Amino acid sequence: MRTGKPEHLKAFDYLGLHRYFLTFCTCERREVFVTTRRVDLVLSQILRAADDEHFALVAYCFMPDHLHLLTEGQRDDSDCRHFIKRAKQFSGFYYKKTCGSPLWQRYGFERTLRNEDATLSVARYIVENPLRAGLVERAADYPFLGSSLYTVDRMLEAVQLARTWCRSG
């Protein structure tokens, strides 16, 4: 994975009804997200930030040493930079309070998605990440995959339909 300080797009305000692919890596790439207790602690704070900043978590996957999020602004004033800051701040604070160590690397990575094809491609990448890493044989078996909008079964069905459509088109 890339290192250094990723830059925000200069000509983009990160406000509104946009979709983003976000990746947050754990501090020193420690394998933190290996228990339900830790994932639930962090997820509850990210959901809190999403609610405060009016974002939906279209898809998320907690890998042992990083988190992938597919987010979508729900209002014209949804601010992705504020969401990222609050999500990392809230979850980092409660994680350190509970576990005694820092949670996140300072910077994360974001990509603004411009169309539905890009969104489906990112959703597929997120859903299949545990498979590529050899953590499970079926995505449905991975416990740290989800969405604030859809059931895991519905997400997997949409990804499978998109794959089938791409092959036949």
N, C-alpha and C. Protein backbone atom coordinates (compact mmCIF):
# COMPACT_ATOMS: atom_id res chain seq x y z
N MET A 1 0.83 -1.18 0.00
CA MET A 1 0.00 0.00 0.00
C MET A 1 0.88 1.24 0.00
N ARG A 2 0.38 2.29 -0.60
CA ARG A 2 1.14 3.54 -0.68
C ARG A 2 1.42 4.11 0.71
N THR A 3 2.48 4.89 0.80
CA THR A 3 2.81 5.54 2.05
C THR A 3 2.88 7.04 1.82
N GLY A 4 3.11 7.80 2.87
CA GLY A 4 3.18 9.25 2.74
C GLY A 4 1.82 9.88 2.98
N LYS A 5 1.73 11.15 2.67
CA LYS A 5 0.49 11.91 2.89
C LYS A 5 -0.28 12.03 1.59
N PRO A 6 -1.41 11.33 1.47
CA PRO A 6 -2.22 11.47 0.26
C PRO A 6 -2.86 12.87 0.22
N GLU A 7 -3.00 13.42 -0.93
CA GLU A 7 -3.57 14.76 -1.08
C GLU A 7 -5.04 14.68 -1.47
N HIS A 8 -5.83 15.64 -0.97
CA HIS A 8 -7.21 15.78 -1.43
C HIS A 8 -7.19 16.43 -2.80
N LEU A 9 -8.25 16.24 -3.56
CA LEU A 9 -8.38 16.91 -4.84
C LEU A 9 -8.54 18.41 -4.61
N LYS A 10 -7.77 19.20 -5.30
CA LYS A 10 -7.77 20.66 -5.08
C LYS A 10 -9.05 21.32 -5.60
N ALA A 11 -9.59 20.84 -6.71
CA ALA A 11 -10.73 21.50 -7.35
C ALA A 11 -12.06 20.85 -6.97
N PHE A 12 -12.09 20.13 -5.85
CA PHE A 12 -13.30 19.42 -5.45
C PHE A 12 -13.58 19.73 -3.98
N ASP A 13 -14.83 20.05 -3.65
CA ASP A 13 -15.13 20.49 -2.28
C ASP A 13 -15.58 19.37 -1.34
N TYR A 14 -15.77 18.15 -1.84
CA TYR A 14 -16.16 17.00 -1.01
C TYR A 14 -17.51 17.18 -0.33
N LEU A 15 -18.36 18.02 -0.87
CA LEU A 15 -19.69 18.27 -0.34
C LEU A 15 -20.75 17.67 -1.26
N GLY A 16 -21.80 17.13 -0.65
CA GLY A 16 -22.95 16.73 -1.43
C GLY A 16 -23.17 15.24 -1.55
N LEU A 17 -23.92 14.89 -2.58
CA LEU A 17 -24.41 13.53 -2.80
C LEU A 17 -23.41 12.71 -3.61
N HIS A 18 -22.20 12.62 -3.13
CA HIS A 18 -21.15 11.89 -3.83
C HIS A 18 -20.85 10.58 -3.11
N ARG A 19 -20.22 9.66 -3.86
CA ARG A 19 -19.79 8.38 -3.30
C ARG A 19 -18.27 8.37 -3.23
N TYR A 20 -17.75 7.71 -2.18
CA TYR A 20 -16.31 7.67 -1.96
C TYR A 20 -15.89 6.27 -1.55
N PHE A 21 -14.72 5.90 -2.01
CA PHE A 21 -14.07 4.67 -1.56
C PHE A 21 -12.95 5.10 -0.62
N LEU A 22 -13.07 4.72 0.64
CA LEU A 22 -12.12 5.13 1.67
C LEU A 22 -11.39 3.91 2.22
N THR A 23 -10.11 4.08 2.53
CA THR A 23 -9.33 3.04 3.18
C THR A 23 -8.58 3.67 4.34
N PHE A 24 -8.77 3.12 5.53
CA PHE A 24 -8.05 3.54 6.73
C PHE A 24 -7.21 2.36 7.20
N CYS A 25 -5.93 2.59 7.37
CA CYS A 25 -5.02 1.54 7.86
C CYS A 25 -4.78 1.71 9.35
N THR A 26 -4.61 0.60 10.05
CA THR A 26 -4.34 0.66 11.48
C THR A 26 -2.92 1.15 11.72
N CYS A 27 -2.69 1.69 12.89
CA CYS A 27 -1.37 2.18 13.29
C CYS A 27 -0.37 1.02 13.23
N GLU A 28 0.72 1.27 12.53
CA GLU A 28 1.78 0.27 12.34
C GLU A 28 1.27 -1.03 11.71
N ARG A 29 0.13 -0.92 11.05
CA ARG A 29 -0.52 -2.06 10.37
C ARG A 29 -0.72 -3.26 11.31
N ARG A 30 -1.01 -2.94 12.58
CA ARG A 30 -1.30 -4.00 13.55
C ARG A 30 -2.60 -4.70 13.17
N GLU A 31 -2.67 -5.99 13.42
CA GLU A 31 -3.89 -6.75 13.15
C GLU A 31 -4.86 -6.58 14.31
N VAL A 32 -5.65 -5.56 14.20
CA VAL A 32 -6.57 -5.13 15.25
C VAL A 32 -7.95 -5.76 15.08
N PHE A 33 -8.43 -5.82 13.83
CA PHE A 33 -9.82 -6.21 13.57
C PHE A 33 -9.95 -7.72 13.39
N VAL A 34 -9.71 -8.42 14.50
CA VAL A 34 -9.78 -9.87 14.48
C VAL A 34 -10.81 -10.41 15.48
N THR A 35 -11.44 -9.50 16.24
CA THR A 35 -12.48 -9.92 17.18
C THR A 35 -13.73 -9.08 16.97
N THR A 36 -14.85 -9.69 17.21
CA THR A 36 -16.14 -8.99 17.08
C THR A 36 -16.19 -7.80 18.02
N ARG A 37 -15.65 -7.93 19.20
CA ARG A 37 -15.68 -6.85 20.19
C ARG A 37 -15.01 -5.60 19.64
N ARG A 38 -13.84 -5.75 19.07
CA ARG A 38 -13.11 -4.59 18.53
C ARG A 38 -13.80 -4.01 17.30
N VAL A 39 -14.25 -4.87 16.40
CA VAL A 39 -14.93 -4.38 15.20
C VAL A 39 -16.20 -3.64 15.60
N ASP A 40 -16.98 -4.21 16.51
CA ASP A 40 -18.23 -3.55 16.93
C ASP A 40 -17.96 -2.20 17.57
N LEU A 41 -16.91 -2.10 18.39
CA LEU A 41 -16.55 -0.85 19.03
C LEU A 41 -16.26 0.23 17.98
N VAL A 42 -15.43 -0.11 17.01
CA VAL A 42 -15.04 0.85 15.97
C VAL A 42 -16.21 1.14 15.04
N LEU A 43 -16.94 0.11 14.62
CA LEU A 43 -18.07 0.31 13.73
C LEU A 43 -19.13 1.22 14.35
N SER A 44 -19.40 1.06 15.63
CA SER A 44 -20.42 1.91 16.26
C SER A 44 -20.03 3.38 16.19
N GLN A 45 -18.76 3.68 16.31
CA GLN A 45 -18.31 5.07 16.24
C GLN A 45 -18.30 5.60 14.80
N ILE A 46 -18.00 4.74 13.86
CA ILE A 46 -18.04 5.16 12.45
C ILE A 46 -19.49 5.40 12.04
N LEU A 47 -20.40 4.56 12.49
CA LEU A 47 -21.82 4.78 12.22
C LEU A 47 -22.31 6.07 12.86
N ARG A 48 -21.81 6.37 14.05
CA ARG A 48 -22.15 7.63 14.72
C ARG A 48 -21.69 8.83 13.88
N ALA A 49 -20.46 8.78 13.38
CA ALA A 49 -19.95 9.86 12.52
C ALA A 49 -20.75 9.94 11.22
N ALA A 50 -21.09 8.79 10.65
CA ALA A 50 -21.88 8.78 9.41
C ALA A 50 -23.25 9.43 9.65
N ASP A 51 -23.86 9.13 10.76
CA ASP A 51 -25.15 9.73 11.09
C ASP A 51 -25.00 11.24 11.28
N ASP A 52 -23.99 11.66 12.02
CA ASP A 52 -23.76 13.09 12.27
C ASP A 52 -23.51 13.85 10.97
N GLU A 53 -22.78 13.25 10.05
CA GLU A 53 -22.39 13.94 8.81
C GLU A 53 -23.27 13.57 7.61
N HIS A 54 -24.31 12.77 7.85
CA HIS A 54 -25.29 12.41 6.82
C HIS A 54 -24.67 11.61 5.68
N PHE A 55 -24.02 10.50 6.08
CA PHE A 55 -23.44 9.56 5.13
C PHE A 55 -24.03 8.19 5.35
N ALA A 56 -24.19 7.45 4.27
CA ALA A 56 -24.55 6.03 4.35
C ALA A 56 -23.29 5.22 4.12
N LEU A 57 -23.20 4.11 4.81
CA LEU A 57 -22.12 3.15 4.56
C LEU A 57 -22.69 2.10 3.60
N VAL A 58 -22.46 2.30 2.33
CA VAL A 58 -22.99 1.40 1.31
C VAL A 58 -22.39 0.01 1.48
N ALA A 59 -21.11 -0.03 1.79
CA ALA A 59 -20.43 -1.31 2.07
C ALA A 59 -19.20 -1.02 2.93
N TYR A 60 -18.90 -1.97 3.81
CA TYR A 60 -17.66 -1.86 4.59
C TYR A 60 -17.10 -3.25 4.80
N CYS A 61 -15.79 -3.29 4.99
CA CYS A 61 -15.11 -4.55 5.29
C CYS A 61 -13.92 -4.24 6.20
N PHE A 62 -13.97 -4.80 7.39
CA PHE A 62 -12.86 -4.69 8.34
C PHE A 62 -11.91 -5.86 8.09
N MET A 63 -10.79 -5.56 7.48
CA MET A 63 -9.73 -6.55 7.31
C MET A 63 -8.87 -6.47 8.58
N PRO A 64 -8.02 -7.45 8.84
CA PRO A 64 -7.27 -7.42 10.10
C PRO A 64 -6.51 -6.12 10.37
N ASP A 65 -5.92 -5.51 9.32
CA ASP A 65 -5.10 -4.32 9.56
C ASP A 65 -5.56 -3.08 8.79
N HIS A 66 -6.76 -3.12 8.24
CA HIS A 66 -7.30 -1.94 7.57
C HIS A 66 -8.81 -2.06 7.40
N LEU A 67 -9.41 -0.95 7.03
CA LEU A 67 -10.86 -0.87 6.84
C LEU A 67 -11.14 -0.26 5.47
N HIS A 68 -12.04 -0.90 4.73
CA HIS A 68 -12.53 -0.33 3.47
C HIS A 68 -13.97 0.13 3.69
N LEU A 69 -14.26 1.33 3.20
CA LEU A 69 -15.62 1.88 3.27
C LEU A 69 -16.03 2.38 1.89
N LEU A 70 -17.24 2.07 1.50
CA LEU A 70 -17.89 2.69 0.35
C LEU A 70 -18.99 3.55 0.95
N THR A 71 -18.81 4.86 0.89
CA THR A 71 -19.74 5.79 1.54
C THR A 71 -20.46 6.63 0.50
N GLU A 72 -21.60 7.18 0.92
CA GLU A 72 -22.37 8.04 0.03
C GLU A 72 -23.00 9.16 0.84
N GLY A 73 -22.77 10.40 0.42
CA GLY A 73 -23.41 11.54 1.05
C GLY A 73 -24.91 11.48 0.82
N GLN A 74 -25.67 11.80 1.85
CA GLN A 74 -27.13 11.70 1.77
C GLN A 74 -27.83 13.06 1.63
N ARG A 75 -27.05 14.13 1.77
CA ARG A 75 -27.63 15.48 1.66
C ARG A 75 -26.64 16.38 0.92
N ASP A 76 -27.13 17.52 0.49
CA ASP A 76 -26.27 18.48 -0.21
C ASP A 76 -25.14 19.00 0.65
N ASP A 77 -25.34 19.00 1.98
CA ASP A 77 -24.29 19.50 2.87
C ASP A 77 -23.46 18.38 3.51
N SER A 78 -23.60 17.14 3.03
CA SER A 78 -22.76 16.05 3.52
C SER A 78 -21.31 16.35 3.14
N ASP A 79 -20.43 16.36 4.14
CA ASP A 79 -19.04 16.74 3.93
C ASP A 79 -18.13 15.55 4.21
N CYS A 80 -17.53 15.01 3.17
CA CYS A 80 -16.71 13.81 3.33
C CYS A 80 -15.49 14.05 4.21
N ARG A 81 -14.87 15.21 4.09
CA ARG A 81 -13.70 15.49 4.93
C ARG A 81 -14.10 15.50 6.41
N HIS A 82 -15.25 16.07 6.73
CA HIS A 82 -15.72 16.06 8.12
C HIS A 82 -16.05 14.63 8.56
N PHE A 83 -16.68 13.86 7.66
CA PHE A 83 -16.99 12.47 8.00
C PHE A 83 -15.71 11.69 8.33
N ILE A 84 -14.71 11.80 7.46
CA ILE A 84 -13.45 11.08 7.69
C ILE A 84 -12.84 11.49 9.02
N LYS A 85 -12.77 12.78 9.27
CA LYS A 85 -12.17 13.27 10.51
C LYS A 85 -12.91 12.74 11.73
N ARG A 86 -14.23 12.85 11.71
CA ARG A 86 -15.02 12.40 12.87
C ARG A 86 -14.97 10.89 13.04
N ALA A 87 -15.06 10.16 11.93
CA ALA A 87 -15.04 8.69 12.01
C ALA A 87 -13.75 8.20 12.66
N LYS A 88 -12.62 8.76 12.20
CA LYS A 88 -11.33 8.34 12.75
C LYS A 88 -11.15 8.86 14.18
N GLN A 89 -11.63 10.07 14.44
CA GLN A 89 -11.48 10.65 15.77
C GLN A 89 -12.32 9.89 16.80
N PHE A 90 -13.60 9.68 16.50
CA PHE A 90 -14.47 8.97 17.44
C PHE A 90 -13.98 7.55 17.68
N SER A 91 -13.74 6.82 16.60
CA SER A 91 -13.35 5.41 16.76
C SER A 91 -11.97 5.29 17.41
N GLY A 92 -11.05 6.18 17.03
CA GLY A 92 -9.72 6.16 17.64
C GLY A 92 -9.75 6.45 19.12
N PHE A 93 -10.59 7.41 19.52
CA PHE A 93 -10.70 7.76 20.94
C PHE A 93 -11.20 6.58 21.75
N TYR A 94 -12.31 5.97 21.31
CA TYR A 94 -12.88 4.88 22.10
C TYR A 94 -12.04 3.61 22.03
N TYR A 95 -11.36 3.41 20.92
CA TYR A 95 -10.47 2.26 20.83
C TYR A 95 -9.31 2.43 21.82
N LYS A 96 -8.68 3.60 21.84
CA LYS A 96 -7.55 3.83 22.75
C LYS A 96 -8.00 3.74 24.21
N LYS A 97 -9.18 4.27 24.49
CA LYS A 97 -9.72 4.22 25.85
C LYS A 97 -9.94 2.76 26.30
N THR A 98 -10.40 1.93 25.38
CA THR A 98 -10.70 0.53 25.70
C THR A 98 -9.47 -0.37 25.61
N CYS A 99 -8.66 -0.18 24.59
CA CYS A 99 -7.56 -1.12 24.31
C CYS A 99 -6.17 -0.58 24.67
N GLY A 100 -6.07 0.72 24.91
CA GLY A 100 -4.82 1.29 25.39
C GLY A 100 -3.78 1.62 24.34
N SER A 101 -4.14 1.58 23.07
CA SER A 101 -3.17 1.91 22.02
C SER A 101 -3.86 2.69 20.91
N PRO A 102 -3.08 3.44 20.13
CA PRO A 102 -3.68 4.18 19.01
C PRO A 102 -4.24 3.21 17.97
N LEU A 103 -5.26 3.66 17.27
CA LEU A 103 -5.92 2.80 16.28
C LEU A 103 -5.43 3.04 14.86
N TRP A 104 -5.44 4.29 14.40
CA TRP A 104 -5.26 4.58 12.98
C TRP A 104 -3.91 5.17 12.63
N GLN A 105 -3.47 4.89 11.41
CA GLN A 105 -2.40 5.68 10.82
C GLN A 105 -2.96 7.09 10.62
N ARG A 106 -2.08 8.05 10.54
CA ARG A 106 -2.52 9.44 10.45
C ARG A 106 -3.37 9.71 9.21
N TYR A 107 -2.94 9.22 8.07
CA TYR A 107 -3.66 9.51 6.83
C TYR A 107 -4.36 8.27 6.31
N GLY A 108 -5.39 8.50 5.51
CA GLY A 108 -6.09 7.42 4.84
C GLY A 108 -6.09 7.70 3.35
N PHE A 109 -6.79 6.90 2.61
CA PHE A 109 -6.87 7.06 1.17
C PHE A 109 -8.33 7.20 0.77
N GLU A 110 -8.60 8.10 -0.16
CA GLU A 110 -9.95 8.25 -0.64
C GLU A 110 -9.96 8.36 -2.15
N ARG A 111 -11.03 7.87 -2.71
CA ARG A 111 -11.25 8.00 -4.15
C ARG A 111 -12.71 8.41 -4.34
N THR A 112 -12.93 9.47 -5.08
CA THR A 112 -14.28 9.91 -5.39
C THR A 112 -14.77 9.11 -6.59
N LEU A 113 -15.96 8.53 -6.45
CA LEU A 113 -16.51 7.69 -7.52
C LEU A 113 -17.43 8.53 -8.39
N ARG A 114 -17.29 8.39 -9.68
CA ARG A 114 -17.99 9.27 -10.61
C ARG A 114 -19.22 8.66 -11.27
N ASN A 115 -19.38 7.33 -11.22
CA ASN A 115 -20.54 6.73 -11.87
C ASN A 115 -20.90 5.40 -11.21
N GLU A 116 -22.02 4.82 -11.67
CA GLU A 116 -22.50 3.56 -11.09
C GLU A 116 -21.54 2.40 -11.33
N ASP A 117 -20.89 2.38 -12.49
CA ASP A 117 -19.94 1.30 -12.76
C ASP A 117 -18.79 1.31 -11.76
N ALA A 118 -18.28 2.49 -11.47
CA ALA A 118 -17.21 2.60 -10.49
C ALA A 118 -17.69 2.15 -9.12
N THR A 119 -18.93 2.49 -8.77
CA THR A 119 -19.49 2.11 -7.48
C THR A 119 -19.59 0.59 -7.37
N LEU A 120 -20.10 -0.06 -8.41
CA LEU A 120 -20.21 -1.53 -8.39
C LEU A 120 -18.84 -2.19 -8.36
N SER A 121 -17.90 -1.62 -9.05
CA SER A 121 -16.54 -2.16 -9.05
C SER A 121 -15.93 -2.09 -7.65
N VAL A 122 -16.11 -0.98 -6.97
CA VAL A 122 -15.59 -0.83 -5.60
C VAL A 122 -16.33 -1.75 -4.64
N ALA A 123 -17.65 -1.84 -4.78
CA ALA A 123 -18.43 -2.75 -3.92
C ALA A 123 -17.93 -4.18 -4.09
N ARG A 124 -17.67 -4.59 -5.31
CA ARG A 124 -17.16 -5.93 -5.58
C ARG A 124 -15.79 -6.11 -4.92
N TYR A 125 -14.92 -5.12 -5.08
CA TYR A 125 -13.60 -5.18 -4.47
C TYR A 125 -13.70 -5.35 -2.95
N ILE A 126 -14.57 -4.57 -2.32
CA ILE A 126 -14.74 -4.63 -0.86
C ILE A 126 -15.27 -6.00 -0.44
N VAL A 127 -16.31 -6.46 -1.10
CA VAL A 127 -16.94 -7.73 -0.75
C VAL A 127 -15.99 -8.91 -0.95
N GLU A 128 -15.17 -8.84 -1.97
CA GLU A 128 -14.27 -9.97 -2.28
C GLU A 128 -12.92 -9.88 -1.58
N ASN A 129 -12.67 -8.82 -0.84
CA ASN A 129 -11.38 -8.65 -0.18
C ASN A 129 -11.02 -9.81 0.75
N PRO A 130 -11.93 -10.28 1.60
CA PRO A 130 -11.58 -11.42 2.46
C PRO A 130 -11.27 -12.69 1.67
N LEU A 131 -11.90 -12.85 0.50
CA LEU A 131 -11.60 -14.01 -0.35
C LEU A 131 -10.18 -13.92 -0.89
N ARG A 132 -9.83 -12.75 -1.42
CA ARG A 132 -8.48 -12.57 -1.98
C ARG A 132 -7.40 -12.77 -0.93
N ALA A 133 -7.72 -12.39 0.31
CA ALA A 133 -6.74 -12.53 1.40
C ALA A 133 -6.70 -13.96 1.95
N GLY A 134 -7.58 -14.82 1.48
CA GLY A 134 -7.60 -16.21 1.94
C GLY A 134 -8.18 -16.38 3.34
N LEU A 135 -8.98 -15.42 3.80
CA LEU A 135 -9.55 -15.49 5.14
C LEU A 135 -10.79 -16.38 5.20
N VAL A 136 -11.52 -16.47 4.08
CA VAL A 136 -12.72 -17.31 3.98
C VAL A 136 -12.81 -17.85 2.56
N GLU A 137 -13.66 -18.85 2.38
CA GLU A 137 -13.89 -19.39 1.04
C GLU A 137 -15.09 -18.74 0.37
N ARG A 138 -16.00 -18.20 1.18
CA ARG A 138 -17.18 -17.50 0.66
C ARG A 138 -17.31 -16.17 1.38
N ALA A 139 -17.56 -15.11 0.65
CA ALA A 139 -17.68 -13.78 1.26
C ALA A 139 -18.76 -13.76 2.34
N ALA A 140 -19.83 -14.50 2.14
CA ALA A 140 -20.93 -14.52 3.10
C ALA A 140 -20.49 -15.05 4.47
N ASP A 141 -19.37 -15.76 4.52
CA ASP A 141 -18.87 -16.31 5.78
C ASP A 141 -18.00 -15.34 6.56
N TYR A 142 -17.65 -14.21 5.96
CA TYR A 142 -16.77 -13.26 6.64
C TYR A 142 -17.59 -12.40 7.60
N PRO A 143 -17.25 -12.40 8.89
CA PRO A 143 -18.11 -11.74 9.88
C PRO A 143 -18.01 -10.21 9.92
N PHE A 144 -17.00 -9.63 9.29
CA PHE A 144 -16.77 -8.18 9.44
C PHE A 144 -17.04 -7.42 8.14
N LEU A 145 -18.06 -7.84 7.44
CA LEU A 145 -18.50 -7.27 6.18
C LEU A 145 -19.93 -6.80 6.37
N GLY A 146 -20.28 -5.61 5.84
CA GLY A 146 -21.65 -5.16 6.02
C GLY A 146 -21.97 -3.87 5.30
N SER A 147 -23.10 -3.29 5.68
CA SER A 147 -23.63 -2.08 5.08
C SER A 147 -24.64 -1.47 6.04
N SER A 148 -24.78 -0.15 5.99
CA SER A 148 -25.84 0.48 6.76
C SER A 148 -27.13 0.54 5.95
N LEU A 149 -27.08 0.16 4.69
CA LEU A 149 -28.25 0.21 3.81
C LEU A 149 -28.80 -1.16 3.43
N TYR A 150 -27.93 -2.15 3.30
CA TYR A 150 -28.31 -3.44 2.74
C TYR A 150 -27.87 -4.58 3.65
N THR A 151 -28.57 -5.70 3.52
CA THR A 151 -28.11 -6.91 4.19
C THR A 151 -26.89 -7.42 3.42
N VAL A 152 -26.10 -8.25 4.05
CA VAL A 152 -24.94 -8.82 3.38
C VAL A 152 -25.40 -9.65 2.18
N ASP A 153 -26.49 -10.40 2.34
CA ASP A 153 -27.00 -11.21 1.22
C ASP A 153 -27.37 -10.34 0.03
N ARG A 154 -27.99 -9.20 0.29
CA ARG A 154 -28.38 -8.30 -0.81
C ARG A 154 -27.14 -7.70 -1.49
N MET A 155 -26.13 -7.34 -0.69
CA MET A 155 -24.88 -6.82 -1.28
C MET A 155 -24.23 -7.88 -2.17
N LEU A 156 -24.13 -9.10 -1.66
CA LEU A 156 -23.51 -10.18 -2.43
C LEU A 156 -24.29 -10.48 -3.70
N GLU A 157 -25.61 -10.43 -3.61
CA GLU A 157 -26.46 -10.65 -4.78
C GLU A 157 -26.21 -9.56 -5.84
N ALA A 158 -26.13 -8.31 -5.42
CA ALA A 158 -25.89 -7.20 -6.36
C ALA A 158 -24.53 -7.34 -7.03
N VAL A 159 -23.53 -7.71 -6.26
CA VAL A 159 -22.18 -7.89 -6.82
C VAL A 159 -22.18 -9.05 -7.82
N GLN A 160 -22.85 -10.13 -7.48
CA GLN A 160 -22.92 -11.29 -8.38
C GLN A 160 -23.67 -10.94 -9.66
N LEU A 161 -24.79 -10.21 -9.55
CA LEU A 161 -25.54 -9.79 -10.73
C LEU A 161 -24.69 -8.90 -11.63
N ALA A 162 -23.94 -7.99 -11.02
CA ALA A 162 -23.08 -7.09 -11.79
C ALA A 162 -22.00 -7.89 -12.53
N ARG A 163 -21.45 -8.91 -11.88
CA ARG A 163 -20.42 -9.73 -12.51
C ARG A 163 -21.03 -10.50 -13.69
N THR A 164 -22.21 -11.06 -13.51
CA THR A 164 -22.89 -11.80 -14.56
C THR A 164 -23.22 -10.89 -15.73
N TRP A 165 -23.70 -9.69 -15.43
CA TRP A 165 -24.05 -8.72 -16.47
C TRP A 165 -22.82 -8.33 -17.27
N CYS A 166 -21.70 -8.11 -16.59
CA CYS A 166 -20.46 -7.71 -17.27
C CYS A 166 -19.97 -8.82 -18.21
N ARG A 167 -20.11 -10.06 -17.81
CA ARG A 167 -19.66 -11.18 -18.64
C ARG A 167 -20.52 -11.33 -19.88
N SER A 168 -21.85 -11.10 -19.73
CA SER A 168 -22.76 -11.31 -20.86
C SER A 168 -22.84 -10.09 -21.77
N GLY A 169 -22.41 -8.91 -21.28
CA GLY A 169 -22.53 -7.68 -22.07
C GLY A 169 -21.41 -7.47 -22.92
